[in-house]
Amino acid sequence: MIRILVAEDFDLIREDLCDTLEQQEDMTVVGSASTGADIQALALANDFDLILMDIEMETTTAGIRATERILEQKPAAKVLFLTAHETDNMILTSMGAGAVDYIVKGCDDAELFRHIRSAYAGQPLLDGKIQNLLLKEYSRLRTSERSLLFFISTVSQLTTAERELVRLLLEDRKIKEIAAIRCVEVVTVKTQIKSLLHKFGCTRTKEIVNTIRELNVTHLF
């Protein structure tokens, strides 16, 4: 028998799901809860094979937080997220929290049972869905890493005046404002901006500002 814990905050949905699972000859519900805190307590106090975990319960991330805490104590536990939306972000979120698969709410019973049995057998269906996504995410992270290294290297080569110029650009100051603040001619600011663009390999100051914010390195200025 596959021993299942169910976490779902809507009573009718939770009760219906439990009844549906109990009708299967190879499945039994050993406990159910409506909050992240309660499912965590159940999971730590009982033996089970897997958890069907709603993500949004008392908070929008209650299921995720509960999963992380449960896996800290029971790292071999298998968690399948119940979600209303099948998105790339959902896949990455489930993987990040340690879930082995996710099930889209409202899927037919046959699909639900297939996910549960596959996860129980150690062959979660999620594995087949994430290969391309992981490759894309890996590529994105590598690109981000190279961008960060390039920026750090470039920042180290900036003059004091150029660093101050970047700081003012991050404050969304206009060229005339920057000239007034620094007590220099507008043409001087424009010349320094040209030098900045060349060093950062950009064509507009907005590109520099956006990249610095995206890389979360504004503190360097």
C-alpha atoms as a PDB file:
ATOM      1  CA  MET A   1       0.000   0.000   0.000  1.00  0.00           C
ATOM      2  CA  ILE A   2       1.149   3.518  -0.810  1.00  0.00           C
ATOM      3  CA  ARG A   3       0.740   5.507   2.405  1.00  0.00           C
ATOM      4  CA  ILE A   4      -0.202   9.083   1.583  1.00  0.00           C
ATOM      5  CA  LEU A   5      -0.445  12.336   3.543  1.00  0.00           C
ATOM      6  CA  VAL A   6      -2.625  15.058   2.017  1.00  0.00           C
ATOM      7  CA  ALA A   7      -2.264  18.810   2.573  1.00  0.00           C
ATOM      8  CA  GLU A   8      -5.023  20.999   1.086  1.00  0.00           C
ATOM      9  CA  ASP A   9      -6.642  24.037   2.673  1.00  0.00           C
ATOM     10  CA  PHE A  10     -10.074  23.733   0.993  1.00  0.00           C
ATOM     11  CA  ASP A  11     -12.078  21.220   3.024  1.00  0.00           C
ATOM     12  CA  LEU A  12     -14.258  19.919   0.184  1.00  0.00           C
ATOM     13  CA  ILE A  13     -11.299  19.459  -2.156  1.00  0.00           C
ATOM     14  CA  ARG A  14      -9.250  17.747   0.566  1.00  0.00           C
ATOM     15  CA  GLU A  15     -12.091  15.392   1.512  1.00  0.00           C
ATOM     16  CA  ASP A  16     -12.830  14.536  -2.115  1.00  0.00           C
ATOM     17  CA  LEU A  17      -9.146  13.891  -2.801  1.00  0.00           C
ATOM     18  CA  CYS A  18      -8.839  11.623   0.218  1.00  0.00           C
ATOM     19  CA  ASP A  19     -11.961   9.665  -0.787  1.00  0.00           C
ATOM     20  CA  THR A  20     -10.631   9.281  -4.342  1.00  0.00           C
ATOM     21  CA  LEU A  21      -7.304   7.942  -3.110  1.00  0.00           C
ATOM     22  CA  GLU A  22      -8.911   5.534  -0.645  1.00  0.00           C
ATOM     23  CA  GLN A  23     -10.859   3.916  -3.477  1.00  0.00           C
ATOM     24  CA  GLN A  24      -7.605   2.653  -5.003  1.00  0.00           C
ATOM     25  CA  GLU A  25      -6.564  -0.824  -3.931  1.00  0.00           C
ATOM     26  CA  ASP A  26      -2.919   0.173  -3.592  1.00  0.00           C
ATOM     27  CA  MET A  27      -3.368   3.524  -1.803  1.00  0.00           C
ATOM     28  CA  THR A  28      -4.343   4.650   1.673  1.00  0.00           C
ATOM     29  CA  VAL A  29      -4.513   8.093   3.277  1.00  0.00           C
ATOM     30  CA  VAL A  30      -2.734   8.038   6.637  1.00  0.00           C
ATOM     31  CA  GLY A  31      -3.444  11.672   7.473  1.00  0.00           C
ATOM     32  CA  SER A  32      -4.601  15.021   6.105  1.00  0.00           C
ATOM     33  CA  ALA A  33      -4.168  18.671   7.038  1.00  0.00           C
ATOM     34  CA  SER A  34      -5.250  22.134   5.935  1.00  0.00           C
ATOM     35  CA  THR A  35      -2.158  24.133   6.896  1.00  0.00           C
ATOM     36  CA  GLY A  36       1.575  23.936   6.424  1.00  0.00           C
ATOM     37  CA  ALA A  37       2.131  23.736  10.161  1.00  0.00           C
ATOM     38  CA  ASP A  38      -0.293  20.826  10.570  1.00  0.00           C
ATOM     39  CA  ILE A  39       1.077  18.775   7.682  1.00  0.00           C
ATOM     40  CA  GLN A  40       4.580  19.317   9.027  1.00  0.00           C
ATOM     41  CA  ALA A  41       3.498  17.982  12.426  1.00  0.00           C
ATOM     42  CA  LEU A  42       1.776  14.991  10.805  1.00  0.00           C
ATOM     43  CA  ALA A  43       4.769  14.188   8.638  1.00  0.00           C
ATOM     44  CA  LEU A  44       7.199  14.245  11.543  1.00  0.00           C
ATOM     45  CA  ALA A  45       4.938  12.123  13.765  1.00  0.00           C
ATOM     46  CA  ASN A  46       3.858   9.451  11.250  1.00  0.00           C
ATOM     47  CA  ASP A  47       5.250   6.970   8.756  1.00  0.00           C
ATOM     48  CA  PHE A  48       4.236   7.613   5.169  1.00  0.00           C
ATOM     49  CA  ASP A  49       5.428   7.050   1.616  1.00  0.00           C
ATOM     50  CA  LEU A  50       4.631  10.406   0.055  1.00  0.00           C
ATOM     51  CA  ILE A  51       2.855  13.712   0.600  1.00  0.00           C
ATOM     52  CA  LEU A  52       0.468  15.498  -1.734  1.00  0.00           C
ATOM     53  CA  MET A  53       1.293  19.078  -0.755  1.00  0.00           C
ATOM     54  CA  ASP A  54      -0.818  22.094  -1.670  1.00  0.00           C
ATOM     55  CA  ILE A  55       1.465  25.090  -2.166  1.00  0.00           C
ATOM     56  CA  GLU A  56      -0.914  27.888  -1.153  1.00  0.00           C
ATOM     57  CA  MET A  57      -2.551  27.322   2.218  1.00  0.00           C
ATOM     58  CA  GLU A  58      -2.407  29.739   5.149  1.00  0.00           C
ATOM     59  CA  THR A  59       0.134  31.694   3.072  1.00  0.00           C
ATOM     60  CA  THR A  60       1.033  31.616  -0.617  1.00  0.00           C
ATOM     61  CA  THR A  61       4.190  29.618   0.124  1.00  0.00           C
ATOM     62  CA  ALA A  62       3.041  27.565   3.116  1.00  0.00           C
ATOM     63  CA  GLY A  63       3.473  24.268   1.259  1.00  0.00           C
ATOM     64  CA  ILE A  64       6.964  25.178   0.116  1.00  0.00           C
ATOM     65  CA  ARG A  65       8.082  26.149   3.616  1.00  0.00           C
ATOM     66  CA  ALA A  66       6.512  22.996   5.098  1.00  0.00           C
ATOM     67  CA  THR A  67       8.260  20.844   2.495  1.00  0.00           C
ATOM     68  CA  GLU A  68      11.635  22.371   3.296  1.00  0.00           C
ATOM     69  CA  ARG A  69      11.174  21.779   7.034  1.00  0.00           C
ATOM     70  CA  ILE A  70       9.940  18.220   6.562  1.00  0.00           C
ATOM     71  CA  LEU A  71      12.864  17.330   4.317  1.00  0.00           C
ATOM     72  CA  GLU A  72      15.294  18.721   6.876  1.00  0.00           C
ATOM     73  CA  GLN A  73      14.045  16.072   9.312  1.00  0.00           C
ATOM     74  CA  LYS A  74      13.135  13.359   6.783  1.00  0.00           C
ATOM     75  CA  PRO A  75      15.369  13.856   3.736  1.00  0.00           C
ATOM     76  CA  ALA A  76      14.091  10.672   2.054  1.00  0.00           C
ATOM     77  CA  ALA A  77      10.457  11.871   2.090  1.00  0.00           C
ATOM     78  CA  LYS A  78       8.746  12.193  -1.287  1.00  0.00           C
ATOM     79  CA  VAL A  79       6.645  15.311  -1.814  1.00  0.00           C
ATOM     80  CA  LEU A  80       4.383  16.005  -4.788  1.00  0.00           C
ATOM     81  CA  PHE A  81       3.172  19.585  -5.029  1.00  0.00           C
ATOM     82  CA  LEU A  82      -0.455  20.349  -5.827  1.00  0.00           C
ATOM     83  CA  THR A  83      -0.575  23.479  -7.970  1.00  0.00           C
ATOM     84  CA  ALA A  84      -3.166  25.372  -9.953  1.00  0.00           C
ATOM     85  CA  HIS A  85      -0.691  26.339 -12.661  1.00  0.00           C
ATOM     86  CA  GLU A  86       1.812  24.351 -14.720  1.00  0.00           C
ATOM     87  CA  THR A  87       4.627  26.791 -15.472  1.00  0.00           C
ATOM     88  CA  ASP A  88       8.414  26.749 -15.817  1.00  0.00           C
ATOM     89  CA  ASN A  89       8.607  28.708 -12.589  1.00  0.00           C
ATOM     90  CA  MET A  90       6.489  26.077 -10.836  1.00  0.00           C
ATOM     91  CA  ILE A  91       8.833  23.322 -11.972  1.00  0.00           C
ATOM     92  CA  LEU A  92      11.893  25.218 -10.732  1.00  0.00           C
ATOM     93  CA  THR A  93      10.147  26.095  -7.467  1.00  0.00           C
ATOM     94  CA  SER A  94       9.230  22.464  -6.805  1.00  0.00           C
ATOM     95  CA  MET A  95      12.771  21.334  -7.523  1.00  0.00           C
ATOM     96  CA  GLY A  96      14.233  24.060  -5.342  1.00  0.00           C
ATOM     97  CA  ALA A  97      12.073  23.034  -2.406  1.00  0.00           C
ATOM     98  CA  GLY A  98      12.968  19.372  -2.834  1.00  0.00           C
ATOM     99  CA  ALA A  99       9.704  18.013  -4.280  1.00  0.00           C
ATOM    100  CA  VAL A 100       9.984  15.048  -6.645  1.00  0.00           C
ATOM    101  CA  ASP A 101       7.003  16.019  -8.822  1.00  0.00           C
ATOM    102  CA  TYR A 102       3.962  18.243  -9.034  1.00  0.00           C
ATOM    103  CA  ILE A 103       0.337  17.653  -9.969  1.00  0.00           C
ATOM    104  CA  VAL A 104      -1.899  20.241 -11.586  1.00  0.00           C
ATOM    105  CA  LYS A 105      -5.170  20.553  -9.695  1.00  0.00           C
ATOM    106  CA  GLY A 106      -8.180  19.438 -11.684  1.00  0.00           C
ATOM    107  CA  CYS A 107      -6.354  16.780 -13.694  1.00  0.00           C
ATOM    108  CA  ASP A 108      -8.300  13.560 -14.218  1.00  0.00           C
ATOM    109  CA  ASP A 109      -7.989  10.752 -11.687  1.00  0.00           C
ATOM    110  CA  ALA A 110      -5.959   8.529 -14.009  1.00  0.00           C
ATOM    111  CA  GLU A 111      -3.306  11.259 -14.340  1.00  0.00           C
ATOM    112  CA  LEU A 112      -3.268  11.771 -10.577  1.00  0.00           C
ATOM    113  CA  PHE A 113      -2.760   8.065  -9.900  1.00  0.00           C
ATOM    114  CA  ARG A 114      -0.057   7.836 -12.572  1.00  0.00           C
ATOM    115  CA  HIS A 115       1.948  10.619 -10.894  1.00  0.00           C
ATOM    116  CA  ILE A 116       1.580   9.023  -7.459  1.00  0.00           C
ATOM    117  CA  ARG A 117       2.548   5.520  -8.568  1.00  0.00           C
ATOM    118  CA  SER A 118       5.486   6.755 -10.615  1.00  0.00           C
ATOM    119  CA  ALA A 119       6.835   8.835  -7.717  1.00  0.00           C
ATOM    120  CA  TYR A 120       6.386   5.904  -5.331  1.00  0.00           C
ATOM    121  CA  ALA A 121       8.323   3.666  -7.730  1.00  0.00           C
ATOM    122  CA  GLY A 122      11.181   6.166  -7.783  1.00  0.00           C
ATOM    123  CA  GLN A 123      10.514   7.342 -11.329  1.00  0.00           C
ATOM    124  CA  PRO A 124       8.643  10.653 -10.969  1.00  0.00           C
ATOM    125  CA  LEU A 125       7.132  12.002 -14.166  1.00  0.00           C
ATOM    126  CA  LEU A 126       8.746  15.356 -13.474  1.00  0.00           C
ATOM    127  CA  ASP A 127      12.073  13.917 -14.619  1.00  0.00           C
ATOM    128  CA  GLY A 128      10.961  13.785 -18.216  1.00  0.00           C
ATOM    129  CA  LYS A 129       9.620  17.350 -18.213  1.00  0.00           C
ATOM    130  CA  ILE A 130      12.553  19.220 -16.773  1.00  0.00           C
ATOM    131  CA  GLN A 131      15.472  18.211 -18.954  1.00  0.00           C
ATOM    132  CA  ASN A 132      15.103  21.035 -21.488  1.00  0.00           C
ATOM    133  CA  LEU A 133      14.142  23.498 -18.771  1.00  0.00           C
ATOM    134  CA  LEU A 134      17.247  22.646 -16.749  1.00  0.00           C
ATOM    135  CA  LEU A 135      19.453  23.149 -19.774  1.00  0.00           C
ATOM    136  CA  LYS A 136      17.881  26.574 -20.374  1.00  0.00           C
ATOM    137  CA  GLU A 137      18.215  27.527 -16.713  1.00  0.00           C
ATOM    138  CA  TYR A 138      21.838  26.365 -16.589  1.00  0.00           C
ATOM    139  CA  SER A 139      22.592  28.459 -19.675  1.00  0.00           C
ATOM    140  CA  ARG A 140      20.866  31.480 -18.126  1.00  0.00           C
ATOM    141  CA  LEU A 141      22.819  31.129 -14.887  1.00  0.00           C
ATOM    142  CA  ARG A 142      26.119  30.753 -16.708  1.00  0.00           C
ATOM    143  CA  THR A 143      25.347  33.880 -18.736  1.00  0.00           C
ATOM    144  CA  SER A 144      24.428  35.744 -15.548  1.00  0.00           C
ATOM    145  CA  GLU A 145      27.634  34.543 -13.892  1.00  0.00           C
ATOM    146  CA  ARG A 146      29.762  35.754 -16.801  1.00  0.00           C
ATOM    147  CA  SER A 147      27.917  39.096 -16.749  1.00  0.00           C
ATOM    148  CA  LEU A 148      28.581  39.500 -13.045  1.00  0.00           C
ATOM    149  CA  LEU A 149      32.280  38.696 -13.415  1.00  0.00           C
ATOM    150  CA  PHE A 150      32.580  41.117 -16.325  1.00  0.00           C
ATOM    151  CA  PHE A 151      30.871  43.889 -14.358  1.00  0.00           C
ATOM    152  CA  ILE A 152      32.977  43.356 -11.251  1.00  0.00           C
ATOM    153  CA  SER A 153      36.103  43.474 -13.400  1.00  0.00           C
ATOM    154  CA  THR A 154      34.918  46.624 -15.187  1.00  0.00           C
ATOM    155  CA  VAL A 155      33.911  48.377 -11.960  1.00  0.00           C
ATOM    156  CA  SER A 156      37.391  47.815 -10.543  1.00  0.00           C
ATOM    157  CA  GLN A 157      38.799  49.801 -13.471  1.00  0.00           C
ATOM    158  CA  LEU A 158      36.529  52.835 -13.081  1.00  0.00           C
ATOM    159  CA  THR A 159      37.913  56.152 -11.942  1.00  0.00           C
ATOM    160  CA  THR A 160      36.501  57.888  -8.863  1.00  0.00           C
ATOM    161  CA  ALA A 161      34.664  60.343 -11.125  1.00  0.00           C
ATOM    162  CA  GLU A 162      33.186  57.500 -13.199  1.00  0.00           C
ATOM    163  CA  ARG A 163      31.985  55.664 -10.096  1.00  0.00           C
ATOM    164  CA  GLU A 164      30.289  58.844  -8.889  1.00  0.00           C
ATOM    165  CA  LEU A 165      28.713  59.235 -12.321  1.00  0.00           C
ATOM    166  CA  VAL A 166      27.302  55.705 -12.150  1.00  0.00           C
ATOM    167  CA  ARG A 167      25.927  56.396  -8.666  1.00  0.00           C
ATOM    168  CA  LEU A 168      24.085  59.453  -9.960  1.00  0.00           C
ATOM    169  CA  LEU A 169      22.775  57.513 -12.947  1.00  0.00           C
ATOM    170  CA  LEU A 170      21.436  54.903 -10.533  1.00  0.00           C
ATOM    171  CA  GLU A 171      19.536  57.748  -8.861  1.00  0.00           C
ATOM    172  CA  ASP A 172      17.967  58.418 -12.291  1.00  0.00           C
ATOM    173  CA  ARG A 173      19.614  61.843 -12.542  1.00  0.00           C
ATOM    174  CA  LYS A 174      19.595  63.639 -15.892  1.00  0.00           C
ATOM    175  CA  ILE A 175      22.778  64.883 -17.553  1.00  0.00           C
ATOM    176  CA  LYS A 176      22.085  68.520 -16.637  1.00  0.00           C
ATOM    177  CA  GLU A 177      21.421  67.557 -13.017  1.00  0.00           C
ATOM    178  CA  ILE A 178      24.646  65.560 -12.860  1.00  0.00           C
ATOM    179  CA  ALA A 179      26.603  68.481 -14.299  1.00  0.00           C
ATOM    180  CA  ALA A 180      25.097  70.833 -11.704  1.00  0.00           C
ATOM    181  CA  ILE A 181      25.733  68.452  -8.806  1.00  0.00           C
ATOM    182  CA  ARG A 182      29.346  67.902  -9.826  1.00  0.00           C
ATOM    183  CA  CYS A 183      29.905  71.553 -10.824  1.00  0.00           C
ATOM    184  CA  VAL A 184      31.152  70.672 -14.306  1.00  0.00           C
ATOM    185  CA  GLU A 185      30.065  71.447 -17.848  1.00  0.00           C
ATOM    186  CA  VAL A 186      27.443  69.289 -19.541  1.00  0.00           C
ATOM    187  CA  VAL A 187      29.964  68.444 -22.251  1.00  0.00           C
ATOM    188  CA  THR A 188      32.272  67.007 -19.575  1.00  0.00           C
ATOM    189  CA  VAL A 189      29.518  64.701 -18.319  1.00  0.00           C
ATOM    190  CA  LYS A 190      28.771  63.589 -21.875  1.00  0.00           C
ATOM    191  CA  THR A 191      32.435  62.767 -22.446  1.00  0.00           C
ATOM    192  CA  GLN A 192      32.564  60.715 -19.247  1.00  0.00           C
ATOM    193  CA  ILE A 193      29.371  58.903 -20.241  1.00  0.00           C
ATOM    194  CA  LYS A 194      30.960  57.945 -23.565  1.00  0.00           C
ATOM    195  CA  SER A 195      33.893  56.486 -21.663  1.00  0.00           C
ATOM    196  CA  LEU A 196      31.516  54.541 -19.384  1.00  0.00           C
ATOM    197  CA  LEU A 197      29.572  53.122 -22.319  1.00  0.00           C
ATOM    198  CA  HIS A 198      32.799  51.979 -23.935  1.00  0.00           C
ATOM    199  CA  LYS A 199      34.054  50.274 -20.771  1.00  0.00           C
ATOM    200  CA  PHE A 200      30.771  48.484 -20.143  1.00  0.00           C
ATOM    201  CA  GLY A 201      30.212  47.620 -23.798  1.00  0.00           C
ATOM    202  CA  CYS A 202      26.830  49.337 -23.824  1.00  0.00           C
ATOM    203  CA  THR A 203      25.145  51.834 -26.142  1.00  0.00           C
ATOM    204  CA  ARG A 204      22.909  53.563 -23.574  1.00  0.00           C
ATOM    205  CA  THR A 205      23.321  54.478 -19.916  1.00  0.00           C
ATOM    206  CA  LYS A 206      19.994  52.771 -19.212  1.00  0.00           C
ATOM    207  CA  GLU A 207      21.612  49.437 -20.121  1.00  0.00           C
ATOM    208  CA  ILE A 208      24.313  50.000 -17.496  1.00  0.00           C
ATOM    209  CA  VAL A 209      21.777  50.979 -14.839  1.00  0.00           C
ATOM    210  CA  ASN A 210      19.436  48.049 -15.592  1.00  0.00           C
ATOM    211  CA  THR A 211      22.238  45.499 -15.574  1.00  0.00           C
ATOM    212  CA  ILE A 212      23.654  46.777 -12.276  1.00  0.00           C
ATOM    213  CA  ARG A 213      20.198  46.493 -10.709  1.00  0.00           C
ATOM    214  CA  GLU A 214      19.548  43.046 -12.194  1.00  0.00           C
ATOM    215  CA  LEU A 215      22.876  41.768 -10.884  1.00  0.00           C
ATOM    216  CA  ASN A 216      22.096  43.327  -7.499  1.00  0.00           C
ATOM    217  CA  VAL A 217      25.433  45.150  -7.222  1.00  0.00           C
ATOM    218  CA  THR A 218      24.202  48.720  -6.609  1.00  0.00           C
ATOM    219  CA  HIS A 219      26.043  48.631  -3.272  1.00  0.00           C
ATOM    220  CA  LEU A 220      29.326  48.848  -5.195  1.00  0.00           C
ATOM    221  CA  PHE A 221      28.556  52.485  -5.964  1.00  0.00           C
END
